[in-house]
PDB file of N, CA and C in Angstrom:
ATOM      1  N   MET A   1       8.885  12.764   2.406  1.00  0.00           N
ATOM      2  CA  MET A   1       8.121  11.627   1.468  1.00  0.00           C
ATOM      3  C   MET A   1       6.869  12.575   1.181  1.00  0.00           C
ATOM      4  N   ARG A   2       6.860  12.679  -0.490  1.00  0.00           N
ATOM      5  CA  ARG A   2       5.341  13.132  -0.996  1.00  0.00           C
ATOM      6  C   ARG A   2       4.400  12.228  -0.682  1.00  0.00           C
ATOM      7  N   LEU A   3       3.304  12.785  -0.764  1.00  0.00           N
ATOM      8  CA  LEU A   3       2.118  12.010  -0.414  1.00  0.00           C
ATOM      9  C   LEU A   3       1.257  11.898  -1.600  1.00  0.00           C
ATOM     10  N   TYR A   4       0.759  10.727  -2.045  1.00  0.00           N
ATOM     11  CA  TYR A   4      -0.209  10.402  -3.263  1.00  0.00           C
ATOM     12  C   TYR A   4      -1.483   9.517  -2.777  1.00  0.00           C
ATOM     13  N   ASP A   5      -2.255   9.449  -3.757  1.00  0.00           N
ATOM     14  CA  ASP A   5      -3.607   8.814  -3.484  1.00  0.00           C
ATOM     15  C   ASP A   5      -3.690   8.098  -4.731  1.00  0.00           C
ATOM     16  N   ASP A   6      -2.713   7.374  -5.346  1.00  0.00           N
ATOM     17  CA  ASP A   6      -2.945   6.936  -6.776  1.00  0.00           C
ATOM     18  C   ASP A   6      -3.280   5.300  -6.757  1.00  0.00           C
ATOM     19  N   PRO A   7      -4.241   4.627  -7.427  1.00  0.00           N
ATOM     20  CA  PRO A   7      -4.458   3.496  -7.362  1.00  0.00           C
ATOM     21  C   PRO A   7      -3.285   2.803  -8.191  1.00  0.00           C
ATOM     22  N   VAL A   8      -2.869   1.168  -7.698  1.00  0.00           N
ATOM     23  CA  VAL A   8      -1.693   0.600  -8.321  1.00  0.00           C
ATOM     24  C   VAL A   8      -2.238  -0.746  -8.206  1.00  0.00           C
ATOM     25  N   GLU A   9      -1.957  -1.293  -9.338  1.00  0.00           N
ATOM     26  CA  GLU A   9      -2.047  -2.929  -9.217  1.00  0.00           C
ATOM     27  C   GLU A   9      -0.961  -3.710  -8.470  1.00  0.00           C
ATOM     28  N   VAL A  10      -1.002  -4.552  -7.557  1.00  0.00           N
ATOM     29  CA  VAL A  10      -0.035  -5.093  -6.790  1.00  0.00           C
ATOM     30  C   VAL A  10       0.007  -6.375  -7.146  1.00  0.00           C
ATOM     31  N   ARG A  11       1.167  -7.251  -7.403  1.00  0.00           N
ATOM     32  CA  ARG A  11       1.248  -8.531  -7.603  1.00  0.00           C
ATOM     33  C   ARG A  11       2.071  -9.375  -6.073  1.00  0.00           C
ATOM     34  N   ARG A  12       1.319 -10.125  -5.674  1.00  0.00           N
ATOM     35  CA  ARG A  12       1.818 -10.567  -4.614  1.00  0.00           C
ATOM     36  C   ARG A  12       2.260 -12.319  -5.069  1.00  0.00           C
ATOM     37  N   GLY A  13       3.482 -12.413  -4.382  1.00  0.00           N
ATOM     38  CA  GLY A  13       4.174 -13.736  -4.669  1.00  0.00           C
ATOM     39  C   GLY A  13       3.738 -14.926  -3.537  1.00  0.00           C
ATOM     40  N   GLU A  14       4.841 -15.695  -3.213  1.00  0.00           N
ATOM     41  CA  GLU A  14       4.649 -16.522  -2.042  1.00  0.00           C
ATOM     42  C   GLU A  14       4.594 -16.033  -0.801  1.00  0.00           C
ATOM     43  N   THR A  15       5.230 -15.046  -0.594  1.00  0.00           N
ATOM     44  CA  THR A  15       4.924 -14.310   0.630  1.00  0.00           C
ATOM     45  C   THR A  15       3.590 -13.480   0.831  1.00  0.00           C
ATOM     46  N   GLU A  16       3.291 -12.903   1.768  1.00  0.00           N
ATOM     47  CA  GLU A  16       1.918 -12.121   1.764  1.00  0.00           C
ATOM     48  C   GLU A  16       2.218 -10.643   1.393  1.00  0.00           C
ATOM     49  N   GLY A  17       3.223 -10.457   1.178  1.00  0.00           N
ATOM     50  CA  GLY A  17       3.811  -8.877   0.889  1.00  0.00           C
ATOM     51  C   GLY A  17       4.003  -8.782  -0.725  1.00  0.00           C
ATOM     52  N   PRO A  18       3.829  -7.463  -1.274  1.00  0.00           N
ATOM     53  CA  PRO A  18       3.877  -7.085  -2.399  1.00  0.00           C
ATOM     54  C   PRO A  18       5.267  -7.352  -2.984  1.00  0.00           C
ATOM     55  N   GLU A  19       5.245  -8.195  -4.353  1.00  0.00           N
ATOM     56  CA  GLU A  19       6.496  -8.373  -5.145  1.00  0.00           C
ATOM     57  C   GLU A  19       6.680  -7.490  -5.912  1.00  0.00           C
ATOM     58  N   GLN A  20       5.700  -6.866  -6.807  1.00  0.00           N
ATOM     59  CA  GLN A  20       5.737  -6.087  -7.815  1.00  0.00           C
ATOM     60  C   GLN A  20       4.562  -4.973  -7.843  1.00  0.00           C
ATOM     61  N   PHE A  21       4.695  -3.992  -8.230  1.00  0.00           N
ATOM     62  CA  PHE A  21       3.518  -3.175  -8.554  1.00  0.00           C
ATOM     63  C   PHE A  21       3.666  -2.340  -9.661  1.00  0.00           C
ATOM     64  N   LEU A  22       2.668  -1.994 -10.232  1.00  0.00           N
ATOM     65  CA  LEU A  22       2.466  -0.935 -11.541  1.00  0.00           C
ATOM     66  C   LEU A  22       1.862   0.335 -10.920  1.00  0.00           C
ATOM     67  N   TRP A  23       2.425   1.331 -11.077  1.00  0.00           N
ATOM     68  CA  TRP A  23       2.118   2.555 -11.069  1.00  0.00           C
ATOM     69  C   TRP A  23       2.409   3.497 -12.118  1.00  0.00           C
ATOM     70  N   ARG A  24       1.394   4.220 -12.683  1.00  0.00           N
ATOM     71  CA  ARG A  24       1.589   5.315 -13.570  1.00  0.00           C
ATOM     72  C   ARG A  24       2.120   4.692 -14.860  1.00  0.00           C
ATOM     73  N   GLY A  25       1.796   3.410 -15.197  1.00  0.00           N
ATOM     74  CA  GLY A  25       2.427   2.787 -16.305  1.00  0.00           C
ATOM     75  C   GLY A  25       3.649   1.973 -16.180  1.00  0.00           C
ATOM     76  N   ARG A  26       4.391   1.979 -15.169  1.00  0.00           N
ATOM     77  CA  ARG A  26       5.852   1.578 -14.984  1.00  0.00           C
ATOM     78  C   ARG A  26       5.658   0.585 -13.887  1.00  0.00           C
ATOM     79  N   LEU A  27       6.349  -0.552 -14.188  1.00  0.00           N
ATOM     80  CA  LEU A  27       6.701  -1.682 -13.418  1.00  0.00           C
ATOM     81  C   LEU A  27       7.745  -1.570 -12.327  1.00  0.00           C
ATOM     82  N   TRP A  28       7.674  -1.650 -10.871  1.00  0.00           N
ATOM     83  CA  TRP A  28       8.359  -1.540  -9.969  1.00  0.00           C
ATOM     84  C   TRP A  28       8.448  -2.896  -9.028  1.00  0.00           C
ATOM     85  N   LYS A  29       9.769  -3.328  -8.943  1.00  0.00           N
ATOM     86  CA  LYS A  29       9.859  -4.694  -8.336  1.00  0.00           C
ATOM     87  C   LYS A  29      10.467  -4.533  -7.019  1.00  0.00           C
ATOM     88  N   VAL A  30       9.719  -4.957  -5.981  1.00  0.00           N
ATOM     89  CA  VAL A  30      10.418  -4.810  -4.357  1.00  0.00           C
ATOM     90  C   VAL A  30      11.405  -5.713  -4.351  1.00  0.00           C
ATOM     91  N   ARG A  31      12.204  -4.910  -3.725  1.00  0.00           N
ATOM     92  CA  ARG A  31      13.613  -5.478  -3.421  1.00  0.00           C
ATOM     93  C   ARG A  31      13.890  -5.627  -2.070  1.00  0.00           C
ATOM     94  N   ALA A  32      12.929  -4.917  -1.182  1.00  0.00           N
ATOM     95  CA  ALA A  32      12.697  -5.094   0.565  1.00  0.00           C
ATOM     96  C   ALA A  32      11.531  -4.593   0.989  1.00  0.00           C
ATOM     97  N   VAL A  33      11.167  -5.460   1.941  1.00  0.00           N
ATOM     98  CA  VAL A  33       9.848  -4.648   2.787  1.00  0.00           C
ATOM     99  C   VAL A  33      10.528  -4.110   3.930  1.00  0.00           C
ATOM    100  N   VAL A  34      10.293  -2.648   4.031  1.00  0.00           N
ATOM    101  CA  VAL A  34      11.062  -1.913   4.991  1.00  0.00           C
ATOM    102  C   VAL A  34      10.207  -1.910   6.537  1.00  0.00           C
ATOM    103  N   ALA A  35       8.952  -1.781   6.017  1.00  0.00           N
ATOM    104  CA  ALA A  35       7.991  -2.060   7.540  1.00  0.00           C
ATOM    105  C   ALA A  35       6.735  -2.474   6.861  1.00  0.00           C
ATOM    106  N   HIS A  36       5.681  -3.041   8.123  1.00  0.00           N
ATOM    107  CA  HIS A  36       4.548  -3.400   7.583  1.00  0.00           C
ATOM    108  C   HIS A  36       3.593  -3.027   8.744  1.00  0.00           C
ATOM    109  N   TRP A  37       2.682  -2.629   8.899  1.00  0.00           N
ATOM    110  CA  TRP A  37       1.657  -2.360  10.083  1.00  0.00           C
ATOM    111  C   TRP A  37       0.332  -2.147   9.286  1.00  0.00           C
ATOM    112  N   VAL A  38      -0.529  -1.896  10.636  1.00  0.00           N
ATOM    113  CA  VAL A  38      -2.112  -1.973  10.368  1.00  0.00           C
ATOM    114  C   VAL A  38      -2.664  -0.720  10.976  1.00  0.00           C
ATOM    115  N   GLU A  39      -3.381   0.244  10.045  1.00  0.00           N
ATOM    116  CA  GLU A  39      -3.835   1.352  10.828  1.00  0.00           C
ATOM    117  C   GLU A  39      -5.423   1.324  10.649  1.00  0.00           C
ATOM    118  N   THR A  40      -5.964   1.464  11.832  1.00  0.00           N
ATOM    119  CA  THR A  40      -7.317   1.542  11.802  1.00  0.00           C
ATOM    120  C   THR A  40      -8.056   3.150  11.820  1.00  0.00           C
ATOM    121  N   ALA A  41      -9.117   3.460  11.131  1.00  0.00           N
ATOM    122  CA  ALA A  41      -9.736   4.742  10.711  1.00  0.00           C
ATOM    123  C   ALA A  41     -10.151   5.247  12.360  1.00  0.00           C
ATOM    124  N   PRO A  42     -10.139   6.541  12.624  1.00  0.00           N
ATOM    125  CA  PRO A  42     -10.654   7.058  13.524  1.00  0.00           C
ATOM    126  C   PRO A  42     -12.157   6.408  14.005  1.00  0.00           C
ATOM    127  N   TRP A  43     -12.632   6.140  15.139  1.00  0.00           N
ATOM    128  CA  TRP A  43     -14.098   5.623  15.162  1.00  0.00           C
ATOM    129  C   TRP A  43     -14.834   6.655  14.750  1.00  0.00           C
ATOM    130  N   TRP A  44     -14.692   7.822  15.256  1.00  0.00           N
ATOM    131  CA  TRP A  44     -15.524   8.992  15.093  1.00  0.00           C
ATOM    132  C   TRP A  44     -15.983   9.430  13.678  1.00  0.00           C
ATOM    133  N   GLN A  45     -14.913   9.039  12.749  1.00  0.00           N
ATOM    134  CA  GLN A  45     -15.196   9.384  11.390  1.00  0.00           C
ATOM    135  C   GLN A  45     -15.847   7.968  10.747  1.00  0.00           C
ATOM    136  N   GLY A  46     -16.265   7.316  11.113  1.00  0.00           N
ATOM    137  CA  GLY A  46     -17.237   5.688  10.503  1.00  0.00           C
ATOM    138  C   GLY A  46     -18.308   6.410  10.228  1.00  0.00           C
ATOM    139  N   THR A  47     -18.934   5.280   9.185  1.00  0.00           N
ATOM    140  CA  THR A  47     -20.324   5.534   8.903  1.00  0.00           C
ATOM    141  C   THR A  47     -21.184   4.877   9.886  1.00  0.00           C
ATOM    142  N   GLU A  48     -22.421   4.768   9.612  1.00  0.00           N
ATOM    143  CA  GLU A  48     -23.407   4.287  10.459  1.00  0.00           C
ATOM    144  C   GLU A  48     -23.055   2.899  10.788  1.00  0.00           C
ATOM    145  N   PRO A  49     -23.225   2.178  11.943  1.00  0.00           N
ATOM    146  CA  PRO A  49     -22.857   0.764  12.249  1.00  0.00           C
ATOM    147  C   PRO A  49     -23.743   0.102  11.810  1.00  0.00           C
ATOM    148  N   SER A  50     -23.371  -1.073  11.155  1.00  0.00           N
ATOM    149  CA  SER A  50     -23.904  -1.848  10.495  1.00  0.00           C
ATOM    150  C   SER A  50     -24.040  -3.334  11.136  1.00  0.00           C
ATOM    151  N   GLY A  51     -23.685  -3.423  12.564  1.00  0.00           N
ATOM    152  CA  GLY A  51     -23.447  -4.674  13.050  1.00  0.00           C
ATOM    153  C   GLY A  51     -22.085  -5.304  12.852  1.00  0.00           C
ATOM    154  N   SER A  52     -21.407  -4.882  11.846  1.00  0.00           N
ATOM    155  CA  SER A  52     -20.328  -5.581  11.676  1.00  0.00           C
ATOM    156  C   SER A  52     -18.913  -4.859  12.268  1.00  0.00           C
ATOM    157  N   ASP A  53     -17.840  -4.853  11.903  1.00  0.00           N
ATOM    158  CA  ASP A  53     -16.683  -4.097  12.539  1.00  0.00           C
ATOM    159  C   ASP A  53     -17.184  -2.865  12.444  1.00  0.00           C
ATOM    160  N   LEU A  54     -16.831  -2.081  13.369  1.00  0.00           N
ATOM    161  CA  LEU A  54     -17.220  -0.472  13.780  1.00  0.00           C
ATOM    162  C   LEU A  54     -15.798   0.056  12.973  1.00  0.00           C
ATOM    163  N   LEU A  55     -14.764  -0.326  12.806  1.00  0.00           N
ATOM    164  CA  LEU A  55     -13.730   0.276  12.634  1.00  0.00           C
ATOM    165  C   LEU A  55     -12.993  -0.146  11.132  1.00  0.00           C
ATOM    166  N   VAL A  56     -12.584   0.442  10.242  1.00  0.00           N
ATOM    167  CA  VAL A  56     -11.900   0.211   8.971  1.00  0.00           C
ATOM    168  C   VAL A  56     -10.544   0.205   9.391  1.00  0.00           C
ATOM    169  N   GLU A  57      -9.798  -1.003   8.743  1.00  0.00           N
ATOM    170  CA  GLU A  57      -8.713  -1.156   8.919  1.00  0.00           C
ATOM    171  C   GLU A  57      -8.010  -0.999   7.537  1.00  0.00           C
ATOM    172  N   ARG A  58      -6.498  -0.897   7.306  1.00  0.00           N
ATOM    173  CA  ARG A  58      -6.244  -0.535   6.134  1.00  0.00           C
ATOM    174  C   ARG A  58      -4.640  -1.079   6.429  1.00  0.00           C
ATOM    175  N   GLU A  59      -4.023  -1.751   5.540  1.00  0.00           N
ATOM    176  CA  GLU A  59      -2.910  -2.607   5.621  1.00  0.00           C
ATOM    177  C   GLU A  59      -1.590  -1.589   4.828  1.00  0.00           C
ATOM    178  N   LEU A  60      -0.492  -1.445   5.666  1.00  0.00           N
ATOM    179  CA  LEU A  60       0.353  -0.621   4.992  1.00  0.00           C
ATOM    180  C   LEU A  60       1.706  -1.243   4.904  1.00  0.00           C
ATOM    181  N   TRP A  61       2.206  -1.151   3.929  1.00  0.00           N
ATOM    182  CA  TRP A  61       3.787  -1.728   3.451  1.00  0.00           C
ATOM    183  C   TRP A  61       4.335  -0.780   3.173  1.00  0.00           C
ATOM    184  N   ARG A  62       5.705  -0.523   3.836  1.00  0.00           N
ATOM    185  CA  ARG A  62       6.703   0.300   3.073  1.00  0.00           C
ATOM    186  C   ARG A  62       7.866  -0.437   2.747  1.00  0.00           C
ATOM    187  N   VAL A  63       7.929  -0.091   1.284  1.00  0.00           N
ATOM    188  CA  VAL A  63       9.057  -0.971   0.445  1.00  0.00           C
ATOM    189  C   VAL A  63       9.775  -0.354   0.162  1.00  0.00           C
ATOM    190  N   GLU A  64      11.131  -0.968  -0.397  1.00  0.00           N
ATOM    191  CA  GLU A  64      12.082  -0.591  -1.471  1.00  0.00           C
ATOM    192  C   GLU A  64      11.921  -1.150  -2.441  1.00  0.00           C
ATOM    193  N   ALA A  65      11.828  -0.207  -3.792  1.00  0.00           N
ATOM    194  CA  ALA A  65      11.331  -0.909  -5.148  1.00  0.00           C
ATOM    195  C   ALA A  65      12.317  -0.082  -5.768  1.00  0.00           C
ATOM    196  N   GLY A  66      12.493  -0.911  -7.167  1.00  0.00           N
ATOM    197  CA  GLY A  66      13.289  -0.383  -8.223  1.00  0.00           C
ATOM    198  C   GLY A  66      12.991  -0.735  -9.568  1.00  0.00           C
ATOM    199  N   ARG A  67      13.034   0.128 -10.678  1.00  0.00           N
ATOM    200  CA  ARG A  67      12.547  -0.281 -12.034  1.00  0.00           C
ATOM    201  C   ARG A  67      13.819  -0.902 -12.657  1.00  0.00           C
ATOM    202  N   GLY A  68      14.930  -1.289 -12.087  1.00  0.00           N
ATOM    203  CA  GLY A  68      16.203  -1.914 -12.907  1.00  0.00           C
ATOM    204  C   GLY A  68      17.379  -0.687 -12.697  1.00  0.00           C
ATOM    205  N   GLY A  69      18.389  -1.244 -12.680  1.00  0.00           N
ATOM    206  CA  GLY A  69      19.645  -0.595 -12.628  1.00  0.00           C
ATOM    207  C   GLY A  69      19.716   0.097 -11.447  1.00  0.00           C
ATOM    208  N   ASP A  70      20.392   1.204 -10.984  1.00  0.00           N
ATOM    209  CA  ASP A  70      20.708   2.070  -9.675  1.00  0.00           C
ATOM    210  C   ASP A  70      19.202   2.624  -9.337  1.00  0.00           C
ATOM    211  N   ARG A  71      18.276   2.755 -10.338  1.00  0.00           N
ATOM    212  CA  ARG A  71      16.936   3.588  -9.771  1.00  0.00           C
ATOM    213  C   ARG A  71      16.069   2.868  -8.980  1.00  0.00           C
ATOM    214  N   SER A  72      15.783   3.581  -8.032  1.00  0.00           N
ATOM    215  CA  SER A  72      15.192   2.960  -6.616  1.00  0.00           C
ATOM    216  C   SER A  72      14.358   3.943  -5.903  1.00  0.00           C
ATOM    217  N   GLY A  73      13.618   3.719  -4.875  1.00  0.00           N
ATOM    218  CA  GLY A  73      12.886   4.399  -4.196  1.00  0.00           C
ATOM    219  C   GLY A  73      12.170   3.707  -3.134  1.00  0.00           C
ATOM    220  N   VAL A  74      11.626   4.430  -2.002  1.00  0.00           N
ATOM    221  CA  VAL A  74      10.970   3.875  -0.948  1.00  0.00           C
ATOM    222  C   VAL A  74       9.666   4.058  -0.999  1.00  0.00           C
ATOM    223  N   PHE A  75       8.726   3.378  -1.135  1.00  0.00           N
ATOM    224  CA  PHE A  75       7.284   3.522  -1.265  1.00  0.00           C
ATOM    225  C   PHE A  75       6.405   2.995  -0.415  1.00  0.00           C
ATOM    226  N   ASP A  76       5.211   3.705   0.173  1.00  0.00           N
ATOM    227  CA  ASP A  76       4.307   3.091   0.870  1.00  0.00           C
ATOM    228  C   ASP A  76       3.027   2.765   0.128  1.00  0.00           C
ATOM    229  N   LEU A  77       2.539   1.258   0.046  1.00  0.00           N
ATOM    230  CA  LEU A  77       1.466   0.887  -0.499  1.00  0.00           C
ATOM    231  C   LEU A  77       0.517   0.558   0.822  1.00  0.00           C
ATOM    232  N   SER A  78      -1.079   0.918   0.434  1.00  0.00           N
ATOM    233  CA  SER A  78      -2.092   0.883   1.316  1.00  0.00           C
ATOM    234  C   SER A  78      -3.031  -0.428   0.550  1.00  0.00           C
ATOM    235  N   PHE A  79      -3.387  -1.382   1.490  1.00  0.00           N
ATOM    236  CA  PHE A  79      -4.392  -2.075   0.875  1.00  0.00           C
ATOM    237  C   PHE A  79      -5.463  -1.984   1.495  1.00  0.00           C
ATOM    238  N   SER A  80      -6.734  -1.920   1.150  1.00  0.00           N
ATOM    239  CA  SER A  80      -8.020  -1.421   2.140  1.00  0.00           C
ATOM    240  C   SER A  80      -8.657  -3.012   1.936  1.00  0.00           C
ATOM    241  N   TRP A  81      -8.970  -3.346   3.260  1.00  0.00           N
ATOM    242  CA  TRP A  81      -9.830  -4.230   3.480  1.00  0.00           C
ATOM    243  C   TRP A  81     -11.256  -4.389   3.318  1.00  0.00           C
ATOM    244  N   THR A  82     -11.852  -3.049   3.112  1.00  0.00           N
ATOM    245  CA  THR A  82     -13.229  -2.419   2.801  1.00  0.00           C
ATOM    246  C   THR A  82     -13.395  -2.772   1.259  1.00  0.00           C
ATOM    247  N   ASP A  83     -12.670  -2.278   0.501  1.00  0.00           N
ATOM    248  CA  ASP A  83     -12.902  -2.610  -0.975  1.00  0.00           C
ATOM    249  C   ASP A  83     -11.841  -3.154  -1.648  1.00  0.00           C
ATOM    250  N   GLY A  84     -10.748  -4.005  -1.016  1.00  0.00           N
ATOM    251  CA  GLY A  84      -9.822  -4.704  -1.614  1.00  0.00           C
ATOM    252  C   GLY A  84      -8.940  -4.033  -2.795  1.00  0.00           C
ATOM    253  N   CYS A  85      -8.671  -2.587  -2.395  1.00  0.00           N
ATOM    254  CA  CYS A  85      -7.933  -2.112  -3.701  1.00  0.00           C
ATOM    255  C   CYS A  85      -6.797  -1.559  -2.860  1.00  0.00           C
ATOM    256  N   TRP A  86      -5.705  -1.380  -4.073  1.00  0.00           N
ATOM    257  CA  TRP A  86      -4.463  -0.792  -3.453  1.00  0.00           C
ATOM    258  C   TRP A  86      -4.015   0.433  -3.916  1.00  0.00           C
ATOM    259  N   GLN A  87      -3.370   1.078  -3.003  1.00  0.00           N
ATOM    260  CA  GLN A  87      -3.257   2.561  -3.293  1.00  0.00           C
ATOM    261  C   GLN A  87      -1.627   2.656  -3.018  1.00  0.00           C
ATOM    262  N   LEU A  88      -1.079   3.672  -3.739  1.00  0.00           N
ATOM    263  CA  LEU A  88       0.251   4.292  -3.357  1.00  0.00           C
ATOM    264  C   LEU A  88       0.090   5.466  -2.602  1.00  0.00           C
ATOM    265  N   VAL A  89       0.379   5.788  -1.351  1.00  0.00           N
ATOM    266  CA  VAL A  89       0.072   6.596  -0.537  1.00  0.00           C
ATOM    267  C   VAL A  89       1.307   7.536  -0.284  1.00  0.00           C
ATOM    268  N   GLY A  90       2.579   7.110  -0.569  1.00  0.00           N
ATOM    269  CA  GLY A  90       3.536   8.094  -0.334  1.00  0.00           C
ATOM    270  C   GLY A  90       4.683   7.458  -0.939  1.00  0.00           C
ATOM    271  N   CYS A  91       5.872   8.532  -1.459  1.00  0.00           N
ATOM    272  CA  CYS A  91       6.960   8.111  -2.064  1.00  0.00           C
ATOM    273  C   CYS A  91       8.140   8.881  -1.980  1.00  0.00           C
ATOM    274  N   ALA A  92       9.329   8.177  -1.330  1.00  0.00           N
ATOM    275  CA  ALA A  92      10.584   8.885  -1.349  1.00  0.00           C
ATOM    276  C   ALA A  92      11.700   8.445  -2.055  1.00  0.00           C
ATOM    277  N   ASP A  93      12.149   9.356  -3.222  1.00  0.00           N
ATOM    278  CA  ASP A  93      13.202   8.497  -4.068  1.00  0.00           C
ATOM    279  C   ASP A  93      14.428   9.442  -4.111  1.00  0.00           C
TER     280      ASP A  93
END
């Protein structure tokens, strides 16, 4: 799996998971959710305690997606609850 740190636009449908995402000017349609999990940042890498949550969480979705025809791949999409942004963090095609 190649690692990335690219911002993406994600469209969610009726389910809570991603249905489509726009990456590098191309629209990818999610065909299947392979896995879904939540990661917590190491507590020792956090910023100063602010009285709220001490640990930062991000939600990860491993999806199979395609652009049409037979072209498809497996992508890891990350959603940060801290800033509300989506990132593409990995790709295996």
